Protein backbone atom coordinates (compact mmCIF):
# COMPACT_ATOMS: atom_id res chain seq x y z
CA MET A 1 168.63 113.04 -19.84
CA PRO A 2 168.37 109.27 -18.31
CA PHE A 3 169.57 108.27 -14.41
CA ASN A 4 172.03 105.95 -14.79
CA TYR A 5 171.37 103.91 -11.53
CA SER A 6 173.96 101.04 -12.33
CA HIS A 7 176.32 103.05 -12.31
CA THR A 8 178.46 102.27 -15.30
CA LYS A 9 180.87 104.13 -16.94
CA CYS A 10 182.04 103.55 -20.34
CA PRO A 11 185.06 101.49 -20.66
CA LYS A 12 186.85 103.99 -22.62
CA CYS A 13 186.47 107.53 -21.73
CA GLY A 14 184.73 106.71 -18.16
CA HIS A 15 181.37 108.65 -19.43
CA THR A 16 177.95 107.51 -17.76
CA SER A 17 175.50 108.33 -20.56
CA PHE A 18 174.30 105.13 -23.21
CA GLU A 19 172.70 105.18 -26.73
CA LEU A 20 170.96 102.24 -28.86
CA VAL A 21 171.39 102.57 -32.10
CA GLU A 22 169.30 100.49 -34.79
CA ASP A 23 172.36 99.78 -38.03
CA ALA A 24 172.80 96.93 -39.96
CA PRO A 25 176.08 95.19 -40.17
CA SER A 26 178.00 94.93 -43.43
CA HIS A 27 176.82 91.93 -45.51
CA SER A 28 173.70 91.52 -44.02
CA ASN A 29 170.14 91.97 -44.67
CA PHE A 30 169.31 91.74 -40.36
CA LYS A 31 169.56 95.34 -38.82
CA MET A 32 170.56 95.56 -35.26
CA TRP A 33 170.40 96.86 -31.96
CA TYR A 34 174.07 98.15 -30.49
CA MET A 35 174.06 99.67 -27.58
CA ARG A 36 177.24 102.79 -27.13
CA CYS A 37 178.75 105.02 -25.65
CA SER A 38 177.10 108.09 -26.40
CA SER A 39 180.16 110.94 -25.77
CA CYS A 40 182.74 108.40 -27.48
CA LYS A 41 180.59 106.32 -29.16
CA THR A 42 182.26 102.98 -27.67
CA PHE A 43 180.55 99.24 -29.05
CA LEU A 44 179.23 97.84 -25.68
CA HIS A 45 176.24 95.61 -26.27
CA ALA A 46 174.80 93.73 -29.43
CA SER A 47 171.18 92.91 -29.92
CA SER A 48 168.95 91.17 -32.16
CA TYR A 49 166.08 94.16 -34.10
CA ILE A 50 163.69 91.89 -34.02
CA ASN A 51 162.25 90.59 -30.79
CA ILE A 52 161.60 86.58 -31.24
CA ASN A 53 159.99 86.14 -28.04
CA SER A 54 157.11 88.18 -29.02
CA GLN A 55 157.07 86.71 -32.65
CA ILE A 56 156.67 83.53 -30.60
CA GLU A 57 154.16 84.65 -29.25
CA GLU A 58 151.81 85.87 -31.22
CA VAL A 59 152.37 82.67 -33.40
CA LYS A 60 151.74 80.59 -31.26
CA LYS A 61 148.26 82.42 -30.51
CA LYS A 62 147.62 81.86 -34.09
CA LEU A 63 147.38 78.29 -33.50
CA GLY A 64 145.87 78.29 -30.30
CA ILE A 65 148.65 76.78 -28.70
């Protein structure tokens, strides 16, 4: 298990282990990444599933920009 260097604690249960979970919100066509407590599953943060910056760089490279 990775070490929690930031000493972050779950605001609900106080545990210090977290997990990144792939899921799609209800009525959505897009996947998201959710950061949540690995113990009580409390939601902490959501991020785009697709790395937009890397896709922009690929398009720029193909366009010669």
